[in-house]
Amino acid sequence: QVQLVESGGGLVQPGGSLRLSCAAAGLALEYYTSCWFRQAPGKEREGVSCFSVQDGRTYYADSVKGRFTISRDNAKNMMYLQMNSLKPEDTAVYYCMTGSDPYYSSGGIKLRGYDDWGQGTQVTVSS
C-alpha cells in the first residue's frame, strides 16, 4: 500500500521560507513522476512542481518559478519543496502526489494521470 506523508507546513511571514517534506512508503519515488500540488480555500487544486520520469524534466508553475525548488533524496525515499520569498497568495494546503505525464497549461501544471496523494500540510503566509 502506498503512503505519502507531508510535513513541514506552518505559519510564516511574507518573505520568509519553509521546506516541505514528503515521506514515501510502498513505492520508490525515484521511479515515479512525483509532484507537489496545492489548494487554497475556494480554489481548485493546482500543480506547483513536478519531477517527470517520462521526459526527465522538472516542472514549475509560473507563480513559483525562481522561488520554489523541488528536490528528492532517493536514499531516504523523500521529496522536498524549498519555498523562499513566500507571499500571502502561497497560502494553501500542500499535497505530495504521484502521477504521470505532466504538462504546462495556462502557466500551471496538469498531469495526464493521477495516482496517489498524501493528506496535505497547511502553509499560511501572513504577517
Foldseek 3Di string as FASTA:
>chain_A
DKAWAKDWADEAAQQAKIKMKIQIDPDQCVQFKKFKWWDDPPDDIFTAWIQAPVVRDIDGFPVQPPFWDWDDDRVRSMIMIIGGSDDQVVWTWMKMFTFHCWDDDPRTIDHPTGDDIHPTDTHGYHD
